[in-house]
Amino acid sequence: MLLELNRTAFDIDGVVADIVTPFLRVLDERHGYKGFTADDITNFDLENSLGLPGRIVDEIIGEILDAPLELGTKPYPGAAEVLSRLCQREPLLFITSRLTPEPIRDWFMAILPELPQDRVEIIATGDPAKKQDCLLEKNRLHLIDDYLETCRQLDQAGLCPVVFDQPWNRNDDKLPRVRGWAEIARIFGLE
C-alpha cells in the first residue's frame, strides 16, 4: 500500500502524540491506580476498559487535552523523524477531535520544532464524526487514525482510512492498518 501525501491527513492523539503514557502516569501518581499498561486499554471507553470512575477519566483526559506539554506528552517513536521528512515534501494536515487546536499546536511547536509552522495545518473538529466533512473539504482521501469508529465511518463513506494500530482498535482486521511510524514511512516511500 502506497499513499499520496497530498491526499492524506493524520489524527494526532493516539497517532502522533502518545497520550496514554501520561494518562497512566497521572492515574497512578494522583489516584493510586497502579499497574495498568497500554495493552489493558482494549477499547476506546476507558471507564469500561479499565473499570475506572468516569470523573477520574474525564479529569485526566481534560488535563491532557488542555496541557499536553505540562503533562509531558511525547510523540510516538519515529513520528518526529517521519513527519519532518514528509513535511519537506508537502505541507501536512492534521485533523483532531479536540475542541480547540491551540494546546496541541503549542505542543507541536515545542516538541516538534523541525516541522515549520507554515507547513503544518491543525484542524480541531470537536467531534470525530466531523472528520469526514473536513477530509472532503480539504480533498483528502486518507486519514491515519487510531479511532476505529471514525475509520469505519470513513470507509462506509467511500474514503480510505488507515488504522494506526493500538490495543483499543484490534477487534477489527478489515481495514488497512499500520503498526507504527516505520510502516507509515514505507507507505509514503521513505525507505
C-alpha atoms as a PDB file:
ATOM      1  CA  MET A   1       0.000   0.000   0.000  1.00  0.00           C
ATOM      2  CA  LEU A   2       1.334   3.401  -1.025  1.00  0.00           C
ATOM      3  CA  LEU A   3      -0.421   6.674  -0.209  1.00  0.00           C
ATOM      4  CA  GLU A   4      -0.192  10.135  -1.722  1.00  0.00           C
ATOM      5  CA  LEU A   5       0.803  12.622   0.953  1.00  0.00           C
ATOM      6  CA  ASN A   6      -1.250  15.441  -0.574  1.00  0.00           C
ATOM      7  CA  ARG A   7      -4.360  13.224  -0.274  1.00  0.00           C
ATOM      8  CA  THR A   8      -3.696  12.165   3.343  1.00  0.00           C
ATOM      9  CA  ALA A   9      -4.354  13.661   6.768  1.00  0.00           C
ATOM     10  CA  PHE A  10      -3.263  12.495  10.209  1.00  0.00           C
ATOM     11  CA  ASP A  11      -5.064  12.253  13.515  1.00  0.00           C
ATOM     12  CA  ILE A  12      -2.946  13.449  16.450  1.00  0.00           C
ATOM     13  CA  ASP A  13      -3.855  11.770  19.758  1.00  0.00           C
ATOM     14  CA  GLY A  14      -3.038   8.082  19.611  1.00  0.00           C
ATOM     15  CA  VAL A  15      -1.210   8.502  16.291  1.00  0.00           C
ATOM     16  CA  VAL A  16       1.382  11.269  16.699  1.00  0.00           C
ATOM     17  CA  ALA A  17       1.014  12.108  20.399  1.00  0.00           C
ATOM     18  CA  ASP A  18       1.232   9.325  22.973  1.00  0.00           C
ATOM     19  CA  ILE A  19      -1.427  10.460  25.439  1.00  0.00           C
ATOM     20  CA  VAL A  20      -1.681   7.007  27.024  1.00  0.00           C
ATOM     21  CA  THR A  21       1.623   7.231  28.892  1.00  0.00           C
ATOM     22  CA  PRO A  22       0.782  10.493  30.708  1.00  0.00           C
ATOM     23  CA  PHE A  23      -2.769   9.208  31.338  1.00  0.00           C
ATOM     24  CA  LEU A  24      -1.468   6.070  33.039  1.00  0.00           C
ATOM     25  CA  ARG A  25       1.181   8.033  34.975  1.00  0.00           C
ATOM     26  CA  VAL A  26      -1.381  10.520  36.351  1.00  0.00           C
ATOM     27  CA  LEU A  27      -3.781   7.652  37.090  1.00  0.00           C
ATOM     28  CA  ASP A  28      -1.054   6.006  39.189  1.00  0.00           C
ATOM     29  CA  GLU A  29       0.500   9.069  40.838  1.00  0.00           C
ATOM     30  CA  ARG A  30      -2.641  11.045  41.695  1.00  0.00           C
ATOM     31  CA  HIS A  31      -5.301   8.400  42.013  1.00  0.00           C
ATOM     32  CA  GLY A  32      -3.399   5.296  43.104  1.00  0.00           C
ATOM     33  CA  TYR A  33      -4.461   3.039  40.225  1.00  0.00           C
ATOM     34  CA  LYS A  34      -1.274   1.075  39.692  1.00  0.00           C
ATOM     35  CA  GLY A  35      -0.090  -1.480  37.199  1.00  0.00           C
ATOM     36  CA  PHE A  36      -2.116  -0.554  34.132  1.00  0.00           C
ATOM     37  CA  THR A  37      -0.389  -0.626  30.737  1.00  0.00           C
ATOM     38  CA  ALA A  38      -1.470   0.499  27.273  1.00  0.00           C
ATOM     39  CA  ASP A  39      -2.328  -3.135  26.487  1.00  0.00           C
ATOM     40  CA  ASP A  40      -5.029  -3.025  29.183  1.00  0.00           C
ATOM     41  CA  ILE A  41      -6.903  -0.406  27.148  1.00  0.00           C
ATOM     42  CA  THR A  42      -8.843  -2.763  24.914  1.00  0.00           C
ATOM     43  CA  ASN A  43     -11.438  -0.264  23.721  1.00  0.00           C
ATOM     44  CA  PHE A  44     -11.842   3.482  23.444  1.00  0.00           C
ATOM     45  CA  ASP A  45     -14.126   3.637  26.501  1.00  0.00           C
ATOM     46  CA  LEU A  46     -11.580   3.995  29.313  1.00  0.00           C
ATOM     47  CA  GLU A  47     -14.204   3.753  32.050  1.00  0.00           C
ATOM     48  CA  ASN A  48     -15.300   0.301  30.979  1.00  0.00           C
ATOM     49  CA  SER A  49     -11.965  -0.863  29.613  1.00  0.00           C
ATOM     50  CA  LEU A  50     -10.095  -0.162  32.869  1.00  0.00           C
ATOM     51  CA  GLY A  51     -13.026  -0.187  35.318  1.00  0.00           C
ATOM     52  CA  LEU A  52     -12.423   3.422  36.380  1.00  0.00           C
ATOM     53  CA  PRO A  53     -14.799   6.079  37.691  1.00  0.00           C
ATOM     54  CA  GLY A  54     -15.898   8.417  34.911  1.00  0.00           C
ATOM     55  CA  ARG A  55     -14.976  11.545  36.828  1.00  0.00           C
ATOM     56  CA  ILE A  56     -11.329  10.424  37.080  1.00  0.00           C
ATOM     57  CA  VAL A  57     -11.156   9.561  33.383  1.00  0.00           C
ATOM     58  CA  ASP A  58     -12.742  12.875  32.408  1.00  0.00           C
ATOM     59  CA  GLU A  59     -10.432  14.844  34.711  1.00  0.00           C
ATOM     60  CA  ILE A  60      -7.237  13.263  33.378  1.00  0.00           C
ATOM     61  CA  ILE A  61      -8.282  13.386  29.718  1.00  0.00           C
ATOM     62  CA  GLY A  62      -9.315  17.025  30.107  1.00  0.00           C
ATOM     63  CA  GLU A  63      -5.938  17.885  31.567  1.00  0.00           C
ATOM     64  CA  ILE A  64      -4.062  16.022  28.833  1.00  0.00           C
ATOM     65  CA  LEU A  65      -6.041  17.842  26.149  1.00  0.00           C
ATOM     66  CA  ASP A  66      -5.574  21.240  27.806  1.00  0.00           C
ATOM     67  CA  ALA A  67      -1.947  20.858  28.897  1.00  0.00           C
ATOM     68  CA  PRO A  68      -0.084  18.238  26.836  1.00  0.00           C
ATOM     69  CA  LEU A  69       3.265  19.979  27.369  1.00  0.00           C
ATOM     70  CA  GLU A  70       2.862  20.260  31.125  1.00  0.00           C
ATOM     71  CA  LEU A  71       1.968  16.574  31.408  1.00  0.00           C
ATOM     72  CA  GLY A  72       4.993  15.516  29.380  1.00  0.00           C
ATOM     73  CA  THR A  73       3.172  14.148  26.346  1.00  0.00           C
ATOM     74  CA  LYS A  74       5.682  12.784  23.844  1.00  0.00           C
ATOM     75  CA  PRO A  75       5.419  11.749  20.210  1.00  0.00           C
ATOM     76  CA  TYR A  76       5.358   8.055  19.388  1.00  0.00           C
ATOM     77  CA  PRO A  77       8.727   6.583  18.395  1.00  0.00           C
ATOM     78  CA  GLY A  78       9.664   7.607  14.878  1.00  0.00           C
ATOM     79  CA  ALA A  79       6.868  10.178  14.486  1.00  0.00           C
ATOM     80  CA  ALA A  80       9.103  13.259  14.656  1.00  0.00           C
ATOM     81  CA  GLU A  81      11.594  11.932  12.106  1.00  0.00           C
ATOM     82  CA  VAL A  82       8.975  10.695   9.641  1.00  0.00           C
ATOM     83  CA  LEU A  83       6.848  13.843   9.890  1.00  0.00           C
ATOM     84  CA  SER A  84       9.926  16.004   9.429  1.00  0.00           C
ATOM     85  CA  ARG A  85      10.834  14.147   6.237  1.00  0.00           C
ATOM     86  CA  LEU A  86       7.247  14.219   4.958  1.00  0.00           C
ATOM     87  CA  CYS A  87       6.955  17.929   5.714  1.00  0.00           C
ATOM     88  CA  GLN A  88       9.824  18.578   3.306  1.00  0.00           C
ATOM     89  CA  ARG A  89       7.697  17.099   0.506  1.00  0.00           C
ATOM     90  CA  GLU A  90       4.277  18.602   1.214  1.00  0.00           C
ATOM     91  CA  PRO A  91       2.521  20.649   3.883  1.00  0.00           C
ATOM     92  CA  LEU A  92       0.946  18.337   6.462  1.00  0.00           C
ATOM     93  CA  LEU A  93      -2.696  18.261   7.523  1.00  0.00           C
ATOM     94  CA  PHE A  94      -3.714  17.078  10.994  1.00  0.00           C
ATOM     95  CA  ILE A  95      -7.372  16.610  11.890  1.00  0.00           C
ATOM     96  CA  THR A  96      -8.154  16.128  15.560  1.00  0.00           C
ATOM     97  CA  SER A  97     -11.367  15.645  17.529  1.00  0.00           C
ATOM     98  CA  ARG A  98     -10.120  18.119  20.124  1.00  0.00           C
ATOM     99  CA  LEU A  99     -12.348  21.111  20.795  1.00  0.00           C
ATOM    100  CA  THR A 100      -9.600  23.665  20.170  1.00  0.00           C
ATOM    101  CA  PRO A 101      -6.281  23.396  18.320  1.00  0.00           C
ATOM    102  CA  GLU A 102      -4.206  25.773  20.475  1.00  0.00           C
ATOM    103  CA  PRO A 103      -2.858  23.381  23.159  1.00  0.00           C
ATOM    104  CA  ILE A 104      -1.780  20.779  20.614  1.00  0.00           C
ATOM    105  CA  ARG A 105      -0.428  23.457  18.245  1.00  0.00           C
ATOM    106  CA  ASP A 106       1.743  24.735  21.116  1.00  0.00           C
ATOM    107  CA  TRP A 107       2.809  21.127  21.744  1.00  0.00           C
ATOM    108  CA  PHE A 108       3.812  20.718  18.085  1.00  0.00           C
ATOM    109  CA  MET A 109       5.886  23.920  18.179  1.00  0.00           C
ATOM    110  CA  ALA A 110       7.684  22.871  21.386  1.00  0.00           C
ATOM    111  CA  ILE A 111       8.101  19.141  20.804  1.00  0.00           C
ATOM    112  CA  LEU A 112       8.412  19.040  17.009  1.00  0.00           C
ATOM    113  CA  PRO A 113      10.231  22.285  16.142  1.00  0.00           C
ATOM    114  CA  GLU A 114      11.589  20.690  12.955  1.00  0.00           C
ATOM    115  CA  LEU A 115       8.083  20.989  11.480  1.00  0.00           C
ATOM    116  CA  PRO A 116       7.777  24.542  10.148  1.00  0.00           C
ATOM    117  CA  GLN A 117       4.550  26.172  11.322  1.00  0.00           C
ATOM    118  CA  ASP A 118       3.721  27.324   7.824  1.00  0.00           C
ATOM    119  CA  ARG A 119       3.792  23.691   6.614  1.00  0.00           C
ATOM    120  CA  VAL A 120       1.538  22.283   9.336  1.00  0.00           C
ATOM    121  CA  GLU A 121      -2.217  22.774   9.466  1.00  0.00           C
ATOM    122  CA  ILE A 122      -4.134  21.557  12.510  1.00  0.00           C
ATOM    123  CA  ILE A 123      -7.915  21.457  12.381  1.00  0.00           C
ATOM    124  CA  ALA A 124      -9.908  20.733  15.541  1.00  0.00           C
ATOM    125  CA  THR A 125     -13.350  19.353  14.676  1.00  0.00           C
ATOM    126  CA  GLY A 126     -14.654  18.956  18.235  1.00  0.00           C
ATOM    127  CA  ASP A 127     -16.272  15.675  17.186  1.00  0.00           C
ATOM    128  CA  PRO A 128     -14.856  12.563  15.478  1.00  0.00           C
ATOM    129  CA  ALA A 129     -17.926  12.393  13.210  1.00  0.00           C
ATOM    130  CA  LYS A 130     -16.967  15.761  11.690  1.00  0.00           C
ATOM    131  CA  LYS A 131     -13.628  14.499  10.382  1.00  0.00           C
ATOM    132  CA  GLN A 132     -15.304  13.194   7.245  1.00  0.00           C
ATOM    133  CA  ASP A 133     -16.581  16.628   6.220  1.00  0.00           C
ATOM    134  CA  CYS A 134     -13.169  18.109   6.910  1.00  0.00           C
ATOM    135  CA  LEU A 135     -11.438  15.500   4.742  1.00  0.00           C
ATOM    136  CA  LEU A 136     -13.841  16.115   1.875  1.00  0.00           C
ATOM    137  CA  GLU A 137     -13.459  19.874   2.191  1.00  0.00           C
ATOM    138  CA  LYS A 138      -9.664  19.521   2.063  1.00  0.00           C
ATOM    139  CA  ASN A 139      -9.803  16.986  -0.813  1.00  0.00           C
ATOM    140  CA  ARG A 140      -8.202  14.229   1.255  1.00  0.00           C
ATOM    141  CA  LEU A 141      -8.935  10.565   0.655  1.00  0.00           C
ATOM    142  CA  HIS A 142      -6.971   9.039   3.542  1.00  0.00           C
ATOM    143  CA  LEU A 143      -6.902   9.612   7.286  1.00  0.00           C
ATOM    144  CA  ILE A 144      -4.478   7.769   9.536  1.00  0.00           C
ATOM    145  CA  ASP A 145      -6.417   7.448  12.795  1.00  0.00           C
ATOM    146  CA  ASP A 146      -6.489   5.220  15.879  1.00  0.00           C
ATOM    147  CA  TYR A 147     -10.236   5.547  16.494  1.00  0.00           C
ATOM    148  CA  LEU A 148     -11.856   2.548  14.851  1.00  0.00           C
ATOM    149  CA  GLU A 149     -15.333   4.089  14.694  1.00  0.00           C
ATOM    150  CA  THR A 150     -14.025   7.056  12.712  1.00  0.00           C
ATOM    151  CA  CYS A 151     -12.194   4.714  10.347  1.00  0.00           C
ATOM    152  CA  ARG A 152     -15.339   2.638   9.841  1.00  0.00           C
ATOM    153  CA  GLN A 153     -17.416   5.753   9.175  1.00  0.00           C
ATOM    154  CA  LEU A 154     -14.909   6.994   6.612  1.00  0.00           C
ATOM    155  CA  ASP A 155     -14.744   3.589   4.931  1.00  0.00           C
ATOM    156  CA  GLN A 156     -18.546   3.463   4.642  1.00  0.00           C
ATOM    157  CA  ALA A 157     -18.475   6.928   3.069  1.00  0.00           C
ATOM    158  CA  GLY A 158     -16.102   5.750   0.350  1.00  0.00           C
ATOM    159  CA  LEU A 159     -12.944   7.248   1.812  1.00  0.00           C
ATOM    160  CA  CYS A 160      -9.844   5.150   2.558  1.00  0.00           C
ATOM    161  CA  PRO A 161      -8.866   5.330   6.230  1.00  0.00           C
ATOM    162  CA  VAL A 162      -5.805   3.638   7.649  1.00  0.00           C
ATOM    163  CA  VAL A 163      -5.988   2.364  11.236  1.00  0.00           C
ATOM    164  CA  PHE A 164      -2.982   3.236  13.395  1.00  0.00           C
ATOM    165  CA  ASP A 165      -2.615   0.040  15.403  1.00  0.00           C
ATOM    166  CA  GLN A 166      -3.345   0.371  19.095  1.00  0.00           C
ATOM    167  CA  PRO A 167      -4.591  -2.126  21.705  1.00  0.00           C
ATOM    168  CA  TRP A 168      -8.004  -0.418  21.698  1.00  0.00           C
ATOM    169  CA  ASN A 169      -8.642  -0.947  17.977  1.00  0.00           C
ATOM    170  CA  ARG A 170      -7.545  -4.530  17.368  1.00  0.00           C
ATOM    171  CA  ASN A 171     -11.042  -6.013  17.231  1.00  0.00           C
ATOM    172  CA  ASP A 172     -11.347  -5.292  13.502  1.00  0.00           C
ATOM    173  CA  ASP A 173      -8.968  -6.510  10.831  1.00  0.00           C
ATOM    174  CA  LYS A 174     -10.952  -5.488   7.750  1.00  0.00           C
ATOM    175  CA  LEU A 175      -9.419  -2.029   7.308  1.00  0.00           C
ATOM    176  CA  PRO A 176      -5.850  -1.248   6.214  1.00  0.00           C
ATOM    177  CA  ARG A 177      -3.601  -0.898   9.255  1.00  0.00           C
ATOM    178  CA  VAL A 178      -0.140   0.440  10.074  1.00  0.00           C
ATOM    179  CA  ARG A 179       1.861  -0.718  13.064  1.00  0.00           C
ATOM    180  CA  GLY A 180       3.910   2.341  13.880  1.00  0.00           C
ATOM    181  CA  TRP A 181       5.841   5.090  12.190  1.00  0.00           C
ATOM    182  CA  ALA A 182       8.283   2.835  10.338  1.00  0.00           C
ATOM    183  CA  GLU A 183       5.296   1.481   8.402  1.00  0.00           C
ATOM    184  CA  ILE A 184       3.991   5.000   7.817  1.00  0.00           C
ATOM    185  CA  ALA A 185       7.392   5.896   6.363  1.00  0.00           C
ATOM    186  CA  ARG A 186       7.100   2.940   3.981  1.00  0.00           C
ATOM    187  CA  ILE A 187       3.588   3.772   2.774  1.00  0.00           C
ATOM    188  CA  PHE A 188       4.879   7.192   1.730  1.00  0.00           C
ATOM    189  CA  GLY A 189       8.005   5.758   0.095  1.00  0.00           C
ATOM    190  CA  LEU A 190      10.510   6.964   2.716  1.00  0.00           C
ATOM    191  CA  GLU A 191      12.809   3.964   2.847  1.00  0.00           C
END
